[in-house]
Amino acid sequence: MKAKFDVIPHLEDLWRYGRVLTGNDSDADDLLQEALARALSMAGSYDPSRPLLPWLVRIVRNTFFTGASRADADGQRLASIADMSDSASPPPQEHSAELSNVSRALARMPTDQAEILHLVGVLGFTYAEAAELLGVPAGTVMSRLSRARAALKHNMENMDGGASGHLKVIGGRDVAR
């Protein structure tokens, strides 16, 4: 079982998923450490005939939601941290600015919406896989994903960061319209 219980190839995906849930790098580190400790303690319950990543993602998710009060506090801090970091060091390039805007828009979303976007859009889970992982019907995953996409689009269209959405590149320089 030791060879089939290799978490190393999944660490980056698990950390990024933890980052989506917690909203910051430090808390994602802590969440992943705690979740991996739980996974190791529960290694005997792992069925090696099934894929390891969904099992690990479920442990990360459950570990996160066992600290419900921490999730509420993190959600409230997300937007202010994103706003502070963006104003402290504005991105030097247009694609960095767009990525920063996406990050801020995601930070303003409810955790369940950011979570489903990450599971399906980043980790590549199918609707059925995400539904099984979250313990909900596939239709619920599809409706949550639809709402999450709409919320992300709305947040992106309504960024209050000033001219970031109104830049036009002319002759290699950024000029406000």
N, C-alpha and C. Protein backbone atom coordinates (compact mmCIF):
# COMPACT_ATOMS: atom_id res chain seq x y z
N MET A 1 0.83 -1.19 0.00
CA MET A 1 0.00 0.00 0.00
C MET A 1 0.87 1.25 0.00
N LYS A 2 2.05 1.18 0.50
CA LYS A 2 2.92 2.34 0.58
C LYS A 2 3.17 2.97 -0.78
N ALA A 3 3.40 2.15 -1.82
CA ALA A 3 3.66 2.68 -3.15
C ALA A 3 2.44 3.38 -3.72
N LYS A 4 1.24 2.91 -3.41
CA LYS A 4 0.01 3.52 -3.93
C LYS A 4 -0.43 4.72 -3.11
N PHE A 5 0.18 4.96 -1.96
CA PHE A 5 -0.19 6.06 -1.08
C PHE A 5 0.88 7.16 -1.15
N ASP A 6 1.24 7.54 -2.35
CA ASP A 6 2.25 8.56 -2.56
C ASP A 6 1.57 9.91 -2.77
N VAL A 7 1.62 10.77 -1.76
CA VAL A 7 0.96 12.07 -1.84
C VAL A 7 1.79 13.12 -2.56
N ILE A 8 3.06 12.87 -2.72
CA ILE A 8 3.98 13.86 -3.31
C ILE A 8 3.49 14.41 -4.65
N PRO A 9 3.05 13.58 -5.60
CA PRO A 9 2.60 14.14 -6.89
C PRO A 9 1.38 15.05 -6.77
N HIS A 10 0.68 14.99 -5.65
CA HIS A 10 -0.56 15.76 -5.49
C HIS A 10 -0.40 16.99 -4.61
N LEU A 11 0.78 17.21 -4.06
CA LEU A 11 0.96 18.30 -3.10
C LEU A 11 0.61 19.67 -3.68
N GLU A 12 1.07 19.95 -4.88
CA GLU A 12 0.80 21.27 -5.47
C GLU A 12 -0.70 21.48 -5.67
N ASP A 13 -1.39 20.48 -6.22
CA ASP A 13 -2.83 20.60 -6.42
C ASP A 13 -3.56 20.75 -5.10
N LEU A 14 -3.15 19.99 -4.10
CA LEU A 14 -3.78 20.08 -2.79
C LEU A 14 -3.54 21.44 -2.15
N TRP A 15 -2.31 21.95 -2.29
CA TRP A 15 -2.01 23.26 -1.72
C TRP A 15 -2.85 24.35 -2.40
N ARG A 16 -2.93 24.30 -3.73
CA ARG A 16 -3.72 25.31 -4.44
C ARG A 16 -5.19 25.23 -4.03
N TYR A 17 -5.69 24.02 -3.87
CA TYR A 17 -7.07 23.85 -3.41
C TYR A 17 -7.22 24.43 -2.00
N GLY A 18 -6.25 24.15 -1.15
CA GLY A 18 -6.26 24.73 0.20
C GLY A 18 -6.21 26.24 0.15
N ARG A 19 -5.48 26.78 -0.81
CA ARG A 19 -5.39 28.24 -0.98
C ARG A 19 -6.74 28.83 -1.36
N VAL A 20 -7.48 28.11 -2.21
CA VAL A 20 -8.82 28.56 -2.59
C VAL A 20 -9.73 28.58 -1.36
N LEU A 21 -9.64 27.54 -0.55
CA LEU A 21 -10.51 27.47 0.63
C LEU A 21 -10.15 28.50 1.68
N THR A 22 -8.86 28.71 1.92
CA THR A 22 -8.44 29.59 3.02
C THR A 22 -8.26 31.03 2.62
N GLY A 23 -7.84 31.25 1.40
CA GLY A 23 -7.66 32.62 0.94
C GLY A 23 -6.27 33.19 1.12
N ASN A 24 -5.37 32.44 1.74
CA ASN A 24 -4.01 32.96 1.83
C ASN A 24 -3.01 31.81 1.96
N ASP A 25 -1.78 32.11 1.62
CA ASP A 25 -0.73 31.09 1.56
C ASP A 25 -0.45 30.44 2.90
N SER A 26 -0.35 31.24 3.93
CA SER A 26 0.00 30.72 5.25
C SER A 26 -1.06 29.75 5.77
N ASP A 27 -2.33 30.15 5.65
CA ASP A 27 -3.41 29.26 6.11
C ASP A 27 -3.49 28.01 5.23
N ALA A 28 -3.18 28.15 3.94
CA ALA A 28 -3.17 26.97 3.06
C ALA A 28 -2.08 26.00 3.50
N ASP A 29 -0.92 26.53 3.86
CA ASP A 29 0.16 25.68 4.38
C ASP A 29 -0.30 24.91 5.61
N ASP A 30 -0.92 25.63 6.55
CA ASP A 30 -1.38 25.01 7.79
C ASP A 30 -2.47 23.97 7.51
N LEU A 31 -3.41 24.32 6.64
CA LEU A 31 -4.49 23.40 6.30
C LEU A 31 -3.94 22.13 5.68
N LEU A 32 -3.01 22.28 4.74
CA LEU A 32 -2.45 21.11 4.07
C LEU A 32 -1.68 20.24 5.05
N GLN A 33 -0.93 20.86 5.94
CA GLN A 33 -0.19 20.09 6.94
C GLN A 33 -1.14 19.29 7.82
N GLU A 34 -2.19 19.93 8.29
CA GLU A 34 -3.16 19.25 9.14
C GLU A 34 -3.88 18.14 8.37
N ALA A 35 -4.26 18.43 7.12
CA ALA A 35 -4.98 17.45 6.31
C ALA A 35 -4.10 16.24 6.00
N LEU A 36 -2.83 16.47 5.69
CA LEU A 36 -1.94 15.35 5.41
C LEU A 36 -1.68 14.51 6.65
N ALA A 37 -1.62 15.14 7.79
CA ALA A 37 -1.48 14.38 9.04
C ALA A 37 -2.70 13.49 9.24
N ARG A 38 -3.88 14.05 8.97
CA ARG A 38 -5.11 13.24 9.06
C ARG A 38 -5.10 12.11 8.04
N ALA A 39 -4.66 12.42 6.81
CA ALA A 39 -4.63 11.40 5.76
C ALA A 39 -3.72 10.24 6.17
N LEU A 40 -2.56 10.58 6.71
CA LEU A 40 -1.64 9.53 7.14
C LEU A 40 -2.23 8.70 8.28
N SER A 41 -2.94 9.35 9.19
CA SER A 41 -3.55 8.60 10.29
C SER A 41 -4.71 7.73 9.80
N MET A 42 -5.30 8.09 8.66
CA MET A 42 -6.42 7.33 8.12
C MET A 42 -6.00 6.48 6.92
N ALA A 43 -4.71 6.31 6.71
CA ALA A 43 -4.21 5.59 5.53
C ALA A 43 -4.81 4.19 5.42
N GLY A 44 -5.12 3.58 6.52
CA GLY A 44 -5.71 2.24 6.50
C GLY A 44 -7.09 2.21 5.88
N SER A 45 -7.79 3.36 5.87
CA SER A 45 -9.13 3.39 5.29
C SER A 45 -9.11 3.72 3.80
N TYR A 46 -7.94 4.04 3.28
CA TYR A 46 -7.84 4.36 1.84
C TYR A 46 -7.93 3.08 1.02
N ASP A 47 -8.76 3.13 -0.01
CA ASP A 47 -8.93 2.00 -0.93
C ASP A 47 -8.01 2.22 -2.12
N PRO A 48 -6.89 1.48 -2.22
CA PRO A 48 -5.92 1.72 -3.29
C PRO A 48 -6.44 1.44 -4.69
N SER A 49 -7.62 0.85 -4.81
CA SER A 49 -8.19 0.64 -6.14
C SER A 49 -8.84 1.91 -6.68
N ARG A 50 -8.98 2.93 -5.83
CA ARG A 50 -9.59 4.20 -6.24
C ARG A 50 -8.50 5.28 -6.35
N PRO A 51 -8.76 6.32 -7.13
CA PRO A 51 -7.77 7.40 -7.26
C PRO A 51 -7.50 8.09 -5.92
N LEU A 52 -6.25 8.42 -5.70
CA LEU A 52 -5.84 9.02 -4.43
C LEU A 52 -6.25 10.49 -4.32
N LEU A 53 -6.14 11.26 -5.42
CA LEU A 53 -6.39 12.71 -5.34
C LEU A 53 -7.77 13.05 -4.79
N PRO A 54 -8.85 12.46 -5.29
CA PRO A 54 -10.16 12.82 -4.72
C PRO A 54 -10.26 12.50 -3.23
N TRP A 55 -9.66 11.42 -2.80
CA TRP A 55 -9.67 11.05 -1.39
C TRP A 55 -8.94 12.12 -0.57
N LEU A 56 -7.79 12.57 -1.09
CA LEU A 56 -7.02 13.61 -0.39
C LEU A 56 -7.75 14.94 -0.40
N VAL A 57 -8.36 15.30 -1.53
CA VAL A 57 -9.11 16.56 -1.61
C VAL A 57 -10.25 16.55 -0.60
N ARG A 58 -10.93 15.42 -0.46
CA ARG A 58 -12.02 15.31 0.50
C ARG A 58 -11.50 15.54 1.93
N ILE A 59 -10.33 15.03 2.23
CA ILE A 59 -9.74 15.22 3.56
C ILE A 59 -9.39 16.69 3.77
N VAL A 60 -8.81 17.33 2.75
CA VAL A 60 -8.49 18.76 2.86
C VAL A 60 -9.78 19.55 3.09
N ARG A 61 -10.81 19.23 2.33
CA ARG A 61 -12.09 19.93 2.45
C ARG A 61 -12.69 19.73 3.84
N ASN A 62 -12.74 18.49 4.29
CA ASN A 62 -13.32 18.21 5.61
C ASN A 62 -12.51 18.87 6.72
N THR A 63 -11.20 18.87 6.57
CA THR A 63 -10.34 19.52 7.56
C THR A 63 -10.65 21.01 7.62
N PHE A 64 -10.82 21.60 6.45
CA PHE A 64 -11.15 23.03 6.40
C PHE A 64 -12.48 23.32 7.09
N PHE A 65 -13.51 22.54 6.75
CA PHE A 65 -14.83 22.83 7.27
C PHE A 65 -15.02 22.43 8.73
N THR A 66 -14.11 21.67 9.31
CA THR A 66 -14.21 21.40 10.75
C THR A 66 -13.88 22.66 11.54
N GLY A 67 -13.18 23.59 10.95
CA GLY A 67 -12.89 24.87 11.59
C GLY A 67 -13.81 25.94 11.01
N ALA A 68 -15.12 25.82 11.19
CA ALA A 68 -16.09 26.73 10.57
C ALA A 68 -15.87 28.19 10.98
N SER A 69 -15.53 28.43 12.20
CA SER A 69 -15.33 29.82 12.61
C SER A 69 -14.12 30.42 11.91
N ARG A 70 -13.10 29.58 11.68
CA ARG A 70 -11.93 30.05 10.95
C ARG A 70 -12.31 30.40 9.51
N ALA A 71 -13.19 29.62 8.91
CA ALA A 71 -13.62 29.89 7.55
C ALA A 71 -14.34 31.24 7.45
N ASP A 72 -15.19 31.54 8.45
CA ASP A 72 -15.88 32.83 8.45
C ASP A 72 -14.89 33.98 8.57
N ALA A 73 -13.93 33.84 9.46
CA ALA A 73 -12.93 34.90 9.65
C ALA A 73 -12.09 35.07 8.39
N ASP A 74 -11.71 33.96 7.77
CA ASP A 74 -10.93 34.05 6.54
C ASP A 74 -11.71 34.75 5.43
N GLY A 75 -12.98 34.41 5.30
CA GLY A 75 -13.79 35.04 4.27
C GLY A 75 -13.87 36.54 4.41
N GLN A 76 -13.95 37.01 5.65
CA GLN A 76 -14.02 38.45 5.88
C GLN A 76 -12.69 39.14 5.61
N ARG A 77 -11.60 38.42 5.84
CA ARG A 77 -10.28 39.03 5.63
C ARG A 77 -9.87 39.03 4.16
N LEU A 78 -10.42 38.13 3.36
CA LEU A 78 -9.94 37.96 1.98
C LEU A 78 -9.95 39.25 1.17
N ALA A 79 -11.08 39.92 1.14
CA ALA A 79 -11.19 41.12 0.32
C ALA A 79 -10.25 42.22 0.80
N SER A 80 -10.14 42.42 2.11
CA SER A 80 -9.27 43.49 2.60
C SER A 80 -7.80 43.18 2.34
N ILE A 81 -7.40 41.91 2.46
CA ILE A 81 -6.01 41.55 2.18
C ILE A 81 -5.70 41.76 0.70
N ALA A 82 -6.61 41.31 -0.16
CA ALA A 82 -6.40 41.49 -1.60
C ALA A 82 -6.31 42.96 -1.97
N ASP A 83 -7.20 43.78 -1.39
CA ASP A 83 -7.18 45.21 -1.69
C ASP A 83 -5.89 45.87 -1.18
N MET A 84 -5.45 45.49 0.02
CA MET A 84 -4.23 46.08 0.58
C MET A 84 -3.01 45.70 -0.26
N SER A 85 -2.91 44.43 -0.63
CA SER A 85 -1.73 43.99 -1.38
C SER A 85 -1.71 44.60 -2.77
N ASP A 86 -2.88 44.75 -3.39
CA ASP A 86 -2.91 45.34 -4.73
C ASP A 86 -2.54 46.82 -4.70
N SER A 87 -3.00 47.54 -3.68
CA SER A 87 -2.68 48.97 -3.64
C SER A 87 -1.24 49.19 -3.21
N ALA A 88 -0.66 48.25 -2.47
CA ALA A 88 0.72 48.40 -2.01
C ALA A 88 1.72 48.20 -3.15
N SER A 89 1.42 47.32 -4.06
CA SER A 89 2.34 47.06 -5.18
C SER A 89 1.55 46.81 -6.45
N PRO A 90 1.23 47.89 -7.16
CA PRO A 90 0.46 47.72 -8.39
C PRO A 90 1.24 46.89 -9.42
N PRO A 91 0.56 46.01 -10.16
CA PRO A 91 1.24 45.14 -11.11
C PRO A 91 1.87 45.94 -12.25
N PRO A 92 3.07 45.51 -12.67
CA PRO A 92 3.79 46.27 -13.69
C PRO A 92 3.32 45.98 -15.12
N GLN A 93 2.60 44.90 -15.34
CA GLN A 93 2.21 44.54 -16.70
C GLN A 93 0.72 44.27 -16.76
N GLU A 94 0.16 44.42 -17.93
CA GLU A 94 -1.29 44.27 -18.11
C GLU A 94 -1.78 42.89 -17.68
N HIS A 95 -1.06 41.82 -18.05
CA HIS A 95 -1.52 40.48 -17.66
C HIS A 95 -1.44 40.28 -16.16
N SER A 96 -0.47 40.90 -15.51
CA SER A 96 -0.39 40.82 -14.06
C SER A 96 -1.57 41.55 -13.42
N ALA A 97 -1.94 42.66 -14.02
CA ALA A 97 -3.09 43.41 -13.51
C ALA A 97 -4.36 42.59 -13.66
N GLU A 98 -4.52 41.93 -14.79
CA GLU A 98 -5.71 41.11 -15.01
C GLU A 98 -5.74 39.93 -14.03
N LEU A 99 -4.60 39.29 -13.82
CA LEU A 99 -4.52 38.19 -12.87
C LEU A 99 -4.84 38.67 -11.46
N SER A 100 -4.34 39.84 -11.12
CA SER A 100 -4.63 40.43 -9.82
C SER A 100 -6.13 40.70 -9.67
N ASN A 101 -6.76 41.20 -10.73
CA ASN A 101 -8.20 41.45 -10.70
C ASN A 101 -8.98 40.14 -10.53
N VAL A 102 -8.56 39.10 -11.21
CA VAL A 102 -9.22 37.80 -11.06
C VAL A 102 -9.07 37.31 -9.62
N SER A 103 -7.89 37.46 -9.07
CA SER A 103 -7.65 37.04 -7.68
C SER A 103 -8.54 37.82 -6.72
N ARG A 104 -8.65 39.11 -6.91
CA ARG A 104 -9.51 39.93 -6.05
C ARG A 104 -10.98 39.56 -6.24
N ALA A 105 -11.37 39.30 -7.49
CA ALA A 105 -12.76 38.91 -7.75
C ALA A 105 -13.08 37.58 -7.09
N LEU A 106 -12.14 36.64 -7.14
CA LEU A 106 -12.34 35.34 -6.48
C LEU A 106 -12.40 35.50 -4.97
N ALA A 107 -11.57 36.39 -4.42
CA ALA A 107 -11.53 36.59 -2.98
C ALA A 107 -12.86 37.13 -2.46
N ARG A 108 -13.60 37.81 -3.29
CA ARG A 108 -14.88 38.39 -2.88
C ARG A 108 -16.04 37.40 -3.02
N MET A 109 -15.75 36.22 -3.55
CA MET A 109 -16.79 35.22 -3.76
C MET A 109 -16.96 34.37 -2.50
N PRO A 110 -18.16 33.84 -2.29
CA PRO A 110 -18.34 32.88 -1.20
C PRO A 110 -17.44 31.67 -1.42
N THR A 111 -17.01 31.06 -0.34
CA THR A 111 -16.09 29.93 -0.42
C THR A 111 -16.64 28.81 -1.29
N ASP A 112 -17.94 28.51 -1.20
CA ASP A 112 -18.48 27.40 -1.98
C ASP A 112 -18.39 27.67 -3.48
N GLN A 113 -18.51 28.94 -3.88
CA GLN A 113 -18.39 29.26 -5.30
C GLN A 113 -16.94 29.20 -5.76
N ALA A 114 -16.03 29.77 -4.97
CA ALA A 114 -14.61 29.71 -5.34
C ALA A 114 -14.14 28.26 -5.36
N GLU A 115 -14.66 27.46 -4.42
CA GLU A 115 -14.28 26.05 -4.33
C GLU A 115 -14.69 25.29 -5.58
N ILE A 116 -15.92 25.46 -6.05
CA ILE A 116 -16.39 24.71 -7.21
C ILE A 116 -15.65 25.16 -8.47
N LEU A 117 -15.35 26.45 -8.60
CA LEU A 117 -14.54 26.92 -9.73
C LEU A 117 -13.17 26.26 -9.72
N HIS A 118 -12.58 26.13 -8.55
CA HIS A 118 -11.25 25.53 -8.46
C HIS A 118 -11.31 24.03 -8.77
N LEU A 119 -12.28 23.34 -8.20
CA LEU A 119 -12.37 21.89 -8.43
C LEU A 119 -12.55 21.56 -9.91
N VAL A 120 -13.47 22.26 -10.58
CA VAL A 120 -13.79 21.96 -11.97
C VAL A 120 -12.84 22.67 -12.93
N GLY A 121 -12.59 23.96 -12.68
CA GLY A 121 -11.80 24.75 -13.61
C GLY A 121 -10.31 24.59 -13.52
N VAL A 122 -9.80 24.35 -12.32
CA VAL A 122 -8.35 24.26 -12.13
C VAL A 122 -7.90 22.81 -11.99
N LEU A 123 -8.54 22.08 -11.09
CA LEU A 123 -8.13 20.69 -10.87
C LEU A 123 -8.68 19.75 -11.92
N GLY A 124 -9.68 20.18 -12.68
CA GLY A 124 -10.18 19.39 -13.80
C GLY A 124 -11.11 18.26 -13.42
N PHE A 125 -11.72 18.34 -12.23
CA PHE A 125 -12.69 17.32 -11.86
C PHE A 125 -13.92 17.42 -12.77
N THR A 126 -14.51 16.30 -13.11
CA THR A 126 -15.77 16.31 -13.85
C THR A 126 -16.87 16.72 -12.88
N TYR A 127 -18.05 17.04 -13.42
CA TYR A 127 -19.17 17.38 -12.55
C TYR A 127 -19.48 16.23 -11.61
N ALA A 128 -19.46 15.00 -12.13
CA ALA A 128 -19.76 13.82 -11.32
C ALA A 128 -18.72 13.65 -10.21
N GLU A 129 -17.45 13.83 -10.53
CA GLU A 129 -16.40 13.70 -9.53
C GLU A 129 -16.53 14.77 -8.46
N ALA A 130 -16.79 16.00 -8.88
CA ALA A 130 -16.95 17.09 -7.92
C ALA A 130 -18.18 16.85 -7.05
N ALA A 131 -19.25 16.34 -7.65
CA ALA A 131 -20.47 16.05 -6.90
C ALA A 131 -20.21 14.99 -5.83
N GLU A 132 -19.48 13.94 -6.22
CA GLU A 132 -19.16 12.89 -5.25
C GLU A 132 -18.30 13.44 -4.13
N LEU A 133 -17.31 14.25 -4.49
CA LEU A 133 -16.40 14.82 -3.50
C LEU A 133 -17.14 15.73 -2.52
N LEU A 134 -18.08 16.54 -3.03
CA LEU A 134 -18.80 17.49 -2.19
C LEU A 134 -20.01 16.87 -1.51
N GLY A 135 -20.39 15.66 -1.94
CA GLY A 135 -21.55 15.00 -1.35
C GLY A 135 -22.87 15.62 -1.76
N VAL A 136 -22.93 16.11 -3.01
CA VAL A 136 -24.15 16.72 -3.53
C VAL A 136 -24.45 16.12 -4.90
N PRO A 137 -25.68 16.28 -5.40
CA PRO A 137 -25.99 15.79 -6.75
C PRO A 137 -25.23 16.56 -7.82
N ALA A 138 -25.03 15.93 -8.98
CA ALA A 138 -24.32 16.58 -10.09
C ALA A 138 -25.03 17.85 -10.53
N GLY A 139 -26.35 17.85 -10.47
CA GLY A 139 -27.11 19.06 -10.83
C GLY A 139 -26.78 20.23 -9.93
N THR A 140 -26.54 19.94 -8.66
CA THR A 140 -26.16 21.00 -7.71
C THR A 140 -24.79 21.57 -8.09
N VAL A 141 -23.88 20.68 -8.49
CA VAL A 141 -22.56 21.14 -8.93
C VAL A 141 -22.71 22.06 -10.14
N MET A 142 -23.53 21.65 -11.10
CA MET A 142 -23.72 22.46 -12.30
C MET A 142 -24.33 23.82 -11.97
N SER A 143 -25.32 23.84 -11.08
CA SER A 143 -25.93 25.13 -10.74
C SER A 143 -24.99 26.01 -9.94
N ARG A 144 -24.22 25.39 -9.01
CA ARG A 144 -23.23 26.17 -8.25
C ARG A 144 -22.17 26.73 -9.18
N LEU A 145 -21.74 25.92 -10.13
CA LEU A 145 -20.72 26.36 -11.07
C LEU A 145 -21.25 27.50 -11.93
N SER A 146 -22.50 27.39 -12.36
CA SER A 146 -23.10 28.46 -13.15
C SER A 146 -23.17 29.75 -12.35
N ARG A 147 -23.62 29.65 -11.09
CA ARG A 147 -23.67 30.85 -10.24
C ARG A 147 -22.28 31.40 -9.98
N ALA A 148 -21.30 30.50 -9.79
CA ALA A 148 -19.93 30.95 -9.53
C ALA A 148 -19.36 31.68 -10.73
N ARG A 149 -19.59 31.14 -11.92
CA ARG A 149 -19.10 31.81 -13.13
C ARG A 149 -19.76 33.17 -13.29
N ALA A 150 -21.06 33.24 -13.04
CA ALA A 150 -21.77 34.52 -13.15
C ALA A 150 -21.25 35.52 -12.11
N ALA A 151 -21.01 35.03 -10.90
CA ALA A 151 -20.49 35.91 -9.84
C ALA A 151 -19.09 36.41 -10.18
N LEU A 152 -18.25 35.52 -10.72
CA LEU A 152 -16.90 35.92 -11.10
C LEU A 152 -16.96 36.98 -12.20
N LYS A 153 -17.82 36.74 -13.19
CA LYS A 153 -17.97 37.72 -14.28
C LYS A 153 -18.46 39.06 -13.72
N HIS A 154 -19.45 39.01 -12.84
CA HIS A 154 -19.98 40.23 -12.24
C HIS A 154 -18.89 40.95 -11.44
N ASN A 155 -18.15 40.21 -10.63
CA ASN A 155 -17.08 40.81 -9.84
C ASN A 155 -16.01 41.43 -10.74
N MET A 156 -15.69 40.76 -11.84
CA MET A 156 -14.68 41.29 -12.76
C MET A 156 -15.18 42.57 -13.44
N GLU A 157 -16.45 42.60 -13.79
CA GLU A 157 -17.02 43.78 -14.45
C GLU A 157 -17.17 44.96 -13.51
N ASN A 158 -17.24 44.69 -12.22
CA ASN A 158 -17.49 45.74 -11.24
C ASN A 158 -16.31 45.96 -10.30
N MET A 159 -15.11 45.74 -10.80
CA MET A 159 -13.93 45.98 -9.97
C MET A 159 -13.88 47.46 -9.65
N ASP A 160 -13.66 47.77 -8.38
CA ASP A 160 -13.63 49.17 -7.97
C ASP A 160 -12.19 49.68 -7.85
N GLY A 161 -11.30 49.06 -8.58
CA GLY A 161 -9.90 49.43 -8.48
C GLY A 161 -9.51 50.61 -9.34
N GLY A 162 -10.45 51.39 -9.78
CA GLY A 162 -10.10 52.57 -10.57
C GLY A 162 -9.95 52.25 -12.03
N ALA A 163 -8.83 52.64 -12.63
CA ALA A 163 -8.64 52.56 -14.07
C ALA A 163 -8.18 51.19 -14.54
N SER A 164 -8.03 50.20 -13.66
CA SER A 164 -7.46 48.92 -14.08
C SER A 164 -8.26 48.29 -15.21
N GLY A 165 -9.57 48.46 -15.24
CA GLY A 165 -10.36 47.89 -16.31
C GLY A 165 -10.49 48.82 -17.49
N HIS A 166 -9.87 49.99 -17.43
CA HIS A 166 -10.02 50.99 -18.48
C HIS A 166 -8.70 51.34 -19.12
N LEU A 167 -7.77 50.43 -19.16
CA LEU A 167 -6.47 50.69 -19.75
C LEU A 167 -6.46 50.25 -21.21
N LYS A 168 -5.72 50.98 -21.99
CA LYS A 168 -5.60 50.67 -23.40
C LYS A 168 -4.12 50.78 -23.74
N VAL A 169 -3.57 49.79 -24.44
CA VAL A 169 -2.16 49.81 -24.79
C VAL A 169 -2.01 50.52 -26.14
N ILE A 170 -1.23 51.61 -26.12
CA ILE A 170 -0.96 52.38 -27.33
C ILE A 170 0.53 52.62 -27.40
N GLY A 171 1.16 52.15 -28.45
CA GLY A 171 2.58 52.39 -28.62
C GLY A 171 3.43 51.85 -27.47
N GLY A 172 2.99 50.75 -26.85
CA GLY A 172 3.77 50.14 -25.80
C GLY A 172 3.59 50.79 -24.44
N ARG A 173 2.68 51.73 -24.30
CA ARG A 173 2.47 52.39 -23.01
C ARG A 173 1.01 52.26 -22.61
N ASP A 174 0.77 52.20 -21.32
CA ASP A 174 -0.60 52.14 -20.79
C ASP A 174 -1.12 53.56 -20.67
N VAL A 175 -2.27 53.82 -21.26
CA VAL A 175 -2.88 55.12 -21.21
C VAL A 175 -4.34 54.96 -20.81
N ALA A 176 -4.80 55.73 -19.83
CA ALA A 176 -6.19 55.65 -19.41
C ALA A 176 -7.06 56.29 -20.49
N ARG A 177 -8.22 55.65 -20.73
CA ARG A 177 -9.17 56.20 -21.73
C ARG A 177 -9.89 57.39 -21.18
